[in-house]
Amino acid sequence: MIEHPQPKSHGIIKRLKPIVPVLLGPQIPRKVREETQERYSRAITTLFIPWRSVKDLCAVNQSWREALGSRQESISTESK
């Protein structure tokens, strides 16, 4: 495992059981509505694809919808 950039004040712990973070704020928008697909894709990508930085999820020149489409295989079968 890569050493943490702030090892004196922070630590890395591997969880025994996987967790899913809870998004605070409005509910996840509906996938079927054209005007909410980008927000839906961002929420699903954030929740179910492992990441440390936004760059891990979505490139600058990529829509959230494209990012989710290209990373669908990263979502575990238990989460689908």
PDB file of N, CA and C in Angstrom:
ATOM      1  N   MET A   1       0.840  -1.172   0.000  1.00  0.00           N
ATOM      2  CA  MET A   1       0.000   0.000   0.000  1.00  0.00           C
ATOM      3  C   MET A   1       0.891   1.244   0.000  1.00  0.00           C
ATOM      4  N   ILE A   2       0.485   2.272  -0.705  1.00  0.00           N
ATOM      5  CA  ILE A   2       1.239   3.519  -0.781  1.00  0.00           C
ATOM      6  C   ILE A   2       1.179   4.234   0.566  1.00  0.00           C
ATOM      7  N   GLU A   3       2.314   4.800   0.988  1.00  0.00           N
ATOM      8  CA  GLU A   3       2.343   5.528   2.254  1.00  0.00           C
ATOM      9  C   GLU A   3       1.482   6.785   2.151  1.00  0.00           C
ATOM     10  N   HIS A   4       0.783   7.071   3.216  1.00  0.00           N
ATOM     11  CA  HIS A   4      -0.073   8.254   3.264  1.00  0.00           C
ATOM     12  C   HIS A   4       0.791   9.511   3.252  1.00  0.00           C
ATOM     13  N   PRO A   5       0.349  10.575   2.549  1.00  0.00           N
ATOM     14  CA  PRO A   5       1.154  11.795   2.479  1.00  0.00           C
ATOM     15  C   PRO A   5       1.313  12.525   3.822  1.00  0.00           C
ATOM     16  N   GLN A   6       0.470  12.231   4.800  1.00  0.00           N
ATOM     17  CA  GLN A   6       0.569  12.853   6.123  1.00  0.00           C
ATOM     18  C   GLN A   6       0.598  11.753   7.195  1.00  0.00           C
ATOM     19  N   PRO A   7       1.639  10.921   7.212  1.00  0.00           N
ATOM     20  CA  PRO A   7       1.635   9.746   8.094  1.00  0.00           C
ATOM     21  C   PRO A   7       1.662  10.055   9.587  1.00  0.00           C
ATOM     22  N   LYS A   8       2.130  11.233   9.976  1.00  0.00           N
ATOM     23  CA  LYS A   8       2.194  11.550  11.411  1.00  0.00           C
ATOM     24  C   LYS A   8       0.828  11.906  11.993  1.00  0.00           C
ATOM     25  N   SER A   9      -0.075  12.405  11.157  1.00  0.00           N
ATOM     26  CA  SER A   9      -1.376  12.828  11.667  1.00  0.00           C
ATOM     27  C   SER A   9      -2.553  12.052  11.071  1.00  0.00           C
ATOM     28  N   HIS A  10      -2.298  11.242  10.044  1.00  0.00           N
ATOM     29  CA  HIS A  10      -3.367  10.498   9.391  1.00  0.00           C
ATOM     30  C   HIS A  10      -2.944   9.041   9.219  1.00  0.00           C
ATOM     31  N   GLY A  11      -3.910   8.179   9.093  1.00  0.00           N
ATOM     32  CA  GLY A  11      -3.614   6.768   8.866  1.00  0.00           C
ATOM     33  C   GLY A  11      -4.546   6.175   7.827  1.00  0.00           C
ATOM     34  N   ILE A  12      -4.148   5.052   7.284  1.00  0.00           N
ATOM     35  CA  ILE A  12      -4.979   4.330   6.331  1.00  0.00           C
ATOM     36  C   ILE A  12      -5.371   3.017   6.987  1.00  0.00           C
ATOM     37  N   ILE A  13      -6.652   2.761   7.028  1.00  0.00           N
ATOM     38  CA  ILE A  13      -7.159   1.531   7.615  1.00  0.00           C
ATOM     39  C   ILE A  13      -8.034   0.844   6.579  1.00  0.00           C
ATOM     40  N   LYS A  14      -7.771  -0.427   6.335  1.00  0.00           N
ATOM     41  CA  LYS A  14      -8.610  -1.188   5.420  1.00  0.00           C
ATOM     42  C   LYS A  14      -9.794  -1.723   6.208  1.00  0.00           C
ATOM     43  N   ARG A  15     -10.979  -1.393   5.751  1.00  0.00           N
ATOM     44  CA  ARG A  15     -12.184  -1.864   6.428  1.00  0.00           C
ATOM     45  C   ARG A  15     -12.379  -3.356   6.190  1.00  0.00           C
ATOM     46  N   LEU A  16     -12.927  -4.031   7.180  1.00  0.00           N
ATOM     47  CA  LEU A  16     -13.193  -5.458   7.043  1.00  0.00           C
ATOM     48  C   LEU A  16     -14.411  -5.709   6.158  1.00  0.00           C
ATOM     49  N   LYS A  17     -15.389  -4.818   6.248  1.00  0.00           N
ATOM     50  CA  LYS A  17     -16.588  -4.927   5.419  1.00  0.00           C
ATOM     51  C   LYS A  17     -16.679  -3.682   4.541  1.00  0.00           C
ATOM     52  N   PRO A  18     -17.058  -3.849   3.282  1.00  0.00           N
ATOM     53  CA  PRO A  18     -17.205  -2.666   2.430  1.00  0.00           C
ATOM     54  C   PRO A  18     -18.370  -1.799   2.912  1.00  0.00           C
ATOM     55  N   ILE A  19     -18.242  -0.505   2.718  1.00  0.00           N
ATOM     56  CA  ILE A  19     -19.311   0.406   3.113  1.00  0.00           C
ATOM     57  C   ILE A  19     -19.732   1.238   1.907  1.00  0.00           C
ATOM     58  N   VAL A  20     -20.917   1.770   1.979  1.00  0.00           N
ATOM     59  CA  VAL A  20     -21.414   2.690   0.962  1.00  0.00           C
ATOM     60  C   VAL A  20     -21.683   4.007   1.667  1.00  0.00           C
ATOM     61  N   PRO A  21     -21.044   5.089   1.230  1.00  0.00           N
ATOM     62  CA  PRO A  21     -21.286   6.376   1.878  1.00  0.00           C
ATOM     63  C   PRO A  21     -22.714   6.855   1.631  1.00  0.00           C
ATOM     64  N   VAL A  22     -23.198   7.685   2.523  1.00  0.00           N
ATOM     65  CA  VAL A  22     -24.531   8.255   2.390  1.00  0.00           C
ATOM     66  C   VAL A  22     -24.384   9.681   1.881  1.00  0.00           C
ATOM     67  N   LEU A  23     -25.053   9.976   0.783  1.00  0.00           N
ATOM     68  CA  LEU A  23     -25.026  11.342   0.260  1.00  0.00           C
ATOM     69  C   LEU A  23     -25.979  12.200   1.069  1.00  0.00           C
ATOM     70  N   LEU A  24     -25.525  13.348   1.495  1.00  0.00           N
ATOM     71  CA  LEU A  24     -26.388  14.291   2.187  1.00  0.00           C
ATOM     72  C   LEU A  24     -26.924  15.276   1.164  1.00  0.00           C
ATOM     73  N   GLY A  25     -28.158  15.638   1.316  1.00  0.00           N
ATOM     74  CA  GLY A  25     -28.738  16.587   0.372  1.00  0.00           C
ATOM     75  C   GLY A  25     -29.954  15.988  -0.302  1.00  0.00           C
ATOM     76  N   PRO A  26     -30.308  16.546  -1.449  1.00  0.00           N
ATOM     77  CA  PRO A  26     -31.507  16.061  -2.143  1.00  0.00           C
ATOM     78  C   PRO A  26     -31.349  14.611  -2.599  1.00  0.00           C
ATOM     79  N   GLN A  27     -32.479  13.954  -2.823  1.00  0.00           N
ATOM     80  CA  GLN A  27     -32.438  12.551  -3.248  1.00  0.00           C
ATOM     81  C   GLN A  27     -31.797  12.405  -4.624  1.00  0.00           C
ATOM     82  N   ILE A  28     -31.355  11.191  -4.933  1.00  0.00           N
ATOM     83  CA  ILE A  28     -30.749  10.911  -6.235  1.00  0.00           C
ATOM     84  C   ILE A  28     -31.826  11.105  -7.297  1.00  0.00           C
ATOM     85  N   PRO A  29     -31.523  11.893  -8.319  1.00  0.00           N
ATOM     86  CA  PRO A  29     -32.530  12.147  -9.354  1.00  0.00           C
ATOM     87  C   PRO A  29     -32.858  10.886 -10.152  1.00  0.00           C
ATOM     88  N   ARG A  30     -33.968  10.944 -10.855  1.00  0.00           N
ATOM     89  CA  ARG A  30     -34.392   9.805 -11.668  1.00  0.00           C
ATOM     90  C   ARG A  30     -33.507   9.655 -12.893  1.00  0.00           C
ATOM     91  N   LYS A  31     -33.207   8.414 -13.223  1.00  0.00           N
ATOM     92  CA  LYS A  31     -32.367   8.113 -14.380  1.00  0.00           C
ATOM     93  C   LYS A  31     -33.104   8.373 -15.692  1.00  0.00           C
ATOM     94  N   VAL A  32     -34.393   8.150 -15.712  1.00  0.00           N
ATOM     95  CA  VAL A  32     -35.157   8.180 -16.963  1.00  0.00           C
ATOM     96  C   VAL A  32     -35.417   9.583 -17.510  1.00  0.00           C
ATOM     97  N   ARG A  33     -35.291  10.589 -16.700  1.00  0.00           N
ATOM     98  CA  ARG A  33     -35.561  11.960 -17.165  1.00  0.00           C
ATOM     99  C   ARG A  33     -34.302  12.558 -17.775  1.00  0.00           C
ATOM    100  N   GLU A  34     -34.414  13.037 -18.993  1.00  0.00           N
ATOM    101  CA  GLU A  34     -33.269  13.582 -19.733  1.00  0.00           C
ATOM    102  C   GLU A  34     -32.570  14.702 -18.960  1.00  0.00           C
ATOM    103  N   GLU A  35     -33.336  15.581 -18.333  1.00  0.00           N
ATOM    104  CA  GLU A  35     -32.745  16.738 -17.656  1.00  0.00           C
ATOM    105  C   GLU A  35     -32.030  16.389 -16.346  1.00  0.00           C
ATOM    106  N   THR A  36     -32.215  15.178 -15.847  1.00  0.00           N
ATOM    107  CA  THR A  36     -31.543  14.796 -14.598  1.00  0.00           C
ATOM    108  C   THR A  36     -30.503  13.692 -14.785  1.00  0.00           C
ATOM    109  N   GLN A  37     -30.269  13.234 -16.002  1.00  0.00           N
ATOM    110  CA  GLN A  37     -29.337  12.122 -16.215  1.00  0.00           C
ATOM    111  C   GLN A  37     -27.909  12.452 -15.798  1.00  0.00           C
ATOM    112  N   GLU A  38     -27.479  13.683 -15.993  1.00  0.00           N
ATOM    113  CA  GLU A  38     -26.114  14.064 -15.609  1.00  0.00           C
ATOM    114  C   GLU A  38     -25.961  14.019 -14.084  1.00  0.00           C
ATOM    115  N   ARG A  39     -26.936  14.553 -13.354  1.00  0.00           N
ATOM    116  CA  ARG A  39     -26.888  14.512 -11.886  1.00  0.00           C
ATOM    117  C   ARG A  39     -27.010  13.080 -11.370  1.00  0.00           C
ATOM    118  N   TYR A  40     -27.866  12.285 -12.004  1.00  0.00           N
ATOM    119  CA  TYR A  40     -28.007  10.871 -11.637  1.00  0.00           C
ATOM    120  C   TYR A  40     -26.665  10.156 -11.797  1.00  0.00           C
ATOM    121  N   SER A  41     -26.034  10.349 -12.939  1.00  0.00           N
ATOM    122  CA  SER A  41     -24.752   9.687 -13.223  1.00  0.00           C
ATOM    123  C   SER A  41     -23.682  10.099 -12.224  1.00  0.00           C
ATOM    124  N   ARG A  42     -23.652  11.374 -11.861  1.00  0.00           N
ATOM    125  CA  ARG A  42     -22.668  11.849 -10.882  1.00  0.00           C
ATOM    126  C   ARG A  42     -22.896  11.177  -9.525  1.00  0.00           C
ATOM    127  N   ALA A  43     -24.145  11.099  -9.094  1.00  0.00           N
ATOM    128  CA  ALA A  43     -24.450  10.491  -7.793  1.00  0.00           C
ATOM    129  C   ALA A  43     -24.095   9.005  -7.774  1.00  0.00           C
ATOM    130  N   ILE A  44     -24.463   8.264  -8.804  1.00  0.00           N
ATOM    131  CA  ILE A  44     -24.193   6.825  -8.853  1.00  0.00           C
ATOM    132  C   ILE A  44     -22.695   6.565  -8.945  1.00  0.00           C
ATOM    133  N   THR A  45     -22.000   7.357  -9.760  1.00  0.00           N
ATOM    134  CA  THR A  45     -20.547   7.210  -9.885  1.00  0.00           C
ATOM    135  C   THR A  45     -19.872   7.459  -8.543  1.00  0.00           C
ATOM    136  N   THR A  46     -20.278   8.507  -7.862  1.00  0.00           N
ATOM    137  CA  THR A  46     -19.690   8.862  -6.570  1.00  0.00           C
ATOM    138  C   THR A  46     -19.943   7.784  -5.518  1.00  0.00           C
ATOM    139  N   LEU A  47     -21.127   7.216  -5.530  1.00  0.00           N
ATOM    140  CA  LEU A  47     -21.478   6.213  -4.527  1.00  0.00           C
ATOM    141  C   LEU A  47     -20.841   4.847  -4.757  1.00  0.00           C
ATOM    142  N   PHE A  48     -20.762   4.398  -6.000  1.00  0.00           N
ATOM    143  CA  PHE A  48     -20.451   2.994  -6.242  1.00  0.00           C
ATOM    144  C   PHE A  48     -19.136   2.698  -6.948  1.00  0.00           C
ATOM    145  N   ILE A  49     -18.363   3.704  -7.297  1.00  0.00           N
ATOM    146  CA  ILE A  49     -17.068   3.472  -7.935  1.00  0.00           C
ATOM    147  C   ILE A  49     -15.979   3.973  -6.990  1.00  0.00           C
ATOM    148  N   PRO A  50     -15.016   3.129  -6.645  1.00  0.00           N
ATOM    149  CA  PRO A  50     -13.955   3.547  -5.714  1.00  0.00           C
ATOM    150  C   PRO A  50     -13.192   4.764  -6.239  1.00  0.00           C
ATOM    151  N   TRP A  51     -12.922   5.725  -5.351  1.00  0.00           N
ATOM    152  CA  TRP A  51     -12.209   6.934  -5.765  1.00  0.00           C
ATOM    153  C   TRP A  51     -11.550   7.607  -4.579  1.00  0.00           C
ATOM    154  N   ARG A  52     -10.538   8.425  -4.870  1.00  0.00           N
ATOM    155  CA  ARG A  52      -9.871   9.259  -3.869  1.00  0.00           C
ATOM    156  C   ARG A  52      -9.932  10.718  -4.269  1.00  0.00           C
ATOM    157  N   SER A  53     -10.041  10.964  -5.559  1.00  0.00           N
ATOM    158  CA  SER A  53     -10.097  12.316  -6.105  1.00  0.00           C
ATOM    159  C   SER A  53     -11.149  12.321  -7.210  1.00  0.00           C
ATOM    160  N   VAL A  54     -11.759  13.458  -7.461  1.00  0.00           N
ATOM    161  CA  VAL A  54     -12.754  13.560  -8.529  1.00  0.00           C
ATOM    162  C   VAL A  54     -12.156  13.117  -9.858  1.00  0.00           C
ATOM    163  N   LYS A  55     -10.865  13.355 -10.046  1.00  0.00           N
ATOM    164  CA  LYS A  55     -10.186  12.946 -11.284  1.00  0.00           C
ATOM    165  C   LYS A  55     -10.227  11.430 -11.478  1.00  0.00           C
ATOM    166  N   ASP A  56     -10.357  10.672 -10.374  1.00  0.00           N
ATOM    167  CA  ASP A  56     -10.477   9.216 -10.477  1.00  0.00           C
ATOM    168  C   ASP A  56     -11.816   8.808 -11.089  1.00  0.00           C
ATOM    169  N   LEU A  57     -12.790   9.700 -11.015  1.00  0.00           N
ATOM    170  CA  LEU A  57     -14.142   9.386 -11.472  1.00  0.00           C
ATOM    171  C   LEU A  57     -14.477   9.952 -12.843  1.00  0.00           C
ATOM    172  N   CYS A  58     -14.086  11.191 -13.068  1.00  0.00           N
ATOM    173  CA  CYS A  58     -14.531  11.892 -14.271  1.00  0.00           C
ATOM    174  C   CYS A  58     -13.429  12.807 -14.782  1.00  0.00           C
ATOM    175  N   ALA A  59     -13.045  12.618 -16.039  1.00  0.00           N
ATOM    176  CA  ALA A  59     -12.026  13.475 -16.652  1.00  0.00           C
ATOM    177  C   ALA A  59     -12.610  14.861 -16.919  1.00  0.00           C
ATOM    178  N   VAL A  60     -11.748  15.844 -17.043  1.00  0.00           N
ATOM    179  CA  VAL A  60     -12.180  17.229 -17.257  1.00  0.00           C
ATOM    180  C   VAL A  60     -13.043  17.353 -18.513  1.00  0.00           C
ATOM    181  N   ASN A  61     -12.687  16.653 -19.562  1.00  0.00           N
ATOM    182  CA  ASN A  61     -13.404  16.763 -20.835  1.00  0.00           C
ATOM    183  C   ASN A  61     -14.483  15.687 -21.001  1.00  0.00           C
ATOM    184  N   GLN A  62     -14.954  15.117 -19.904  1.00  0.00           N
ATOM    185  CA  GLN A  62     -15.904  14.010 -19.946  1.00  0.00           C
ATOM    186  C   GLN A  62     -17.156  14.378 -19.167  1.00  0.00           C
ATOM    187  N   SER A  63     -18.311  13.988 -19.674  1.00  0.00           N
ATOM    188  CA  SER A  63     -19.547  14.206 -18.916  1.00  0.00           C
ATOM    189  C   SER A  63     -19.658  13.113 -17.855  1.00  0.00           C
ATOM    190  N   TRP A  64     -20.463  13.354 -16.835  1.00  0.00           N
ATOM    191  CA  TRP A  64     -20.662  12.346 -15.793  1.00  0.00           C
ATOM    192  C   TRP A  64     -21.350  11.118 -16.374  1.00  0.00           C
ATOM    193  N   ARG A  65     -22.199  11.332 -17.335  1.00  0.00           N
ATOM    194  CA  ARG A  65     -22.886  10.218 -17.997  1.00  0.00           C
ATOM    195  C   ARG A  65     -21.874   9.315 -18.708  1.00  0.00           C
ATOM    196  N   GLU A  66     -20.917   9.920 -19.411  1.00  0.00           N
ATOM    197  CA  GLU A  66     -19.856   9.158 -20.079  1.00  0.00           C
ATOM    198  C   GLU A  66     -18.970   8.451 -19.051  1.00  0.00           C
ATOM    199  N   ALA A  67     -18.667   9.157 -17.962  1.00  0.00           N
ATOM    200  CA  ALA A  67     -17.817   8.577 -16.915  1.00  0.00           C
ATOM    201  C   ALA A  67     -18.471   7.335 -16.314  1.00  0.00           C
ATOM    202  N   LEU A  68     -19.749   7.422 -16.021  1.00  0.00           N
ATOM    203  CA  LEU A  68     -20.461   6.265 -15.467  1.00  0.00           C
ATOM    204  C   LEU A  68     -20.486   5.126 -16.479  1.00  0.00           C
ATOM    205  N   GLY A  69     -20.768   5.435 -17.731  1.00  0.00           N
ATOM    206  CA  GLY A  69     -20.814   4.406 -18.769  1.00  0.00           C
ATOM    207  C   GLY A  69     -19.495   3.673 -18.934  1.00  0.00           C
ATOM    208  N   SER A  70     -18.397   4.399 -18.833  1.00  0.00           N
ATOM    209  CA  SER A  70     -17.088   3.776 -19.031  1.00  0.00           C
ATOM    210  C   SER A  70     -16.588   3.033 -17.793  1.00  0.00           C
ATOM    211  N   ARG A  71     -17.250   3.223 -16.655  1.00  0.00           N
ATOM    212  CA  ARG A  71     -16.798   2.586 -15.412  1.00  0.00           C
ATOM    213  C   ARG A  71     -17.831   1.634 -14.811  1.00  0.00           C
ATOM    214  N   GLN A  72     -18.857   1.295 -15.565  1.00  0.00           N
ATOM    215  CA  GLN A  72     -19.921   0.419 -15.065  1.00  0.00           C
ATOM    216  C   GLN A  72     -19.381  -0.902 -14.528  1.00  0.00           C
ATOM    217  N   GLU A  73     -18.328  -1.434 -15.156  1.00  0.00           N
ATOM    218  CA  GLU A  73     -17.783  -2.720 -14.716  1.00  0.00           C
ATOM    219  C   GLU A  73     -17.116  -2.616 -13.347  1.00  0.00           C
ATOM    220  N   SER A  74     -16.841  -1.392 -12.877  1.00  0.00           N
ATOM    221  CA  SER A  74     -16.232  -1.197 -11.556  1.00  0.00           C
ATOM    222  C   SER A  74     -17.248  -1.317 -10.424  1.00  0.00           C
ATOM    223  N   ILE A  75     -18.526  -1.289 -10.761  1.00  0.00           N
ATOM    224  CA  ILE A  75     -19.571  -1.393  -9.742  1.00  0.00           C
ATOM    225  C   ILE A  75     -19.780  -2.871  -9.429  1.00  0.00           C
ATOM    226  N   SER A  76     -19.690  -3.212  -8.155  1.00  0.00           N
ATOM    227  CA  SER A  76     -19.813  -4.617  -7.761  1.00  0.00           C
ATOM    228  C   SER A  76     -21.210  -5.149  -8.077  1.00  0.00           C
ATOM    229  N   THR A  77     -21.301  -6.439  -8.307  1.00  0.00           N
ATOM    230  CA  THR A  77     -22.596  -7.044  -8.627  1.00  0.00           C
ATOM    231  C   THR A  77     -23.576  -6.917  -7.462  1.00  0.00           C
ATOM    232  N   GLU A  78     -23.068  -6.869  -6.229  1.00  0.00           N
ATOM    233  CA  GLU A  78     -23.945  -6.706  -5.065  1.00  0.00           C
ATOM    234  C   GLU A  78     -24.603  -5.334  -5.048  1.00  0.00           C
ATOM    235  N   SER A  79     -23.965  -4.352  -5.661  1.00  0.00           N
ATOM    236  CA  SER A  79     -24.472  -2.982  -5.642  1.00  0.00           C
ATOM    237  C   SER A  79     -25.402  -2.673  -6.807  1.00  0.00           C
ATOM    238  N   LYS A  80     -25.414  -3.517  -7.811  1.00  0.00           N
ATOM    239  CA  LYS A  80     -26.251  -3.248  -9.001  1.00  0.00           C
ATOM    240  C   LYS A  80     -27.697  -3.550  -8.739  1.00  0.00           C
TER     241      LYS A  80
END
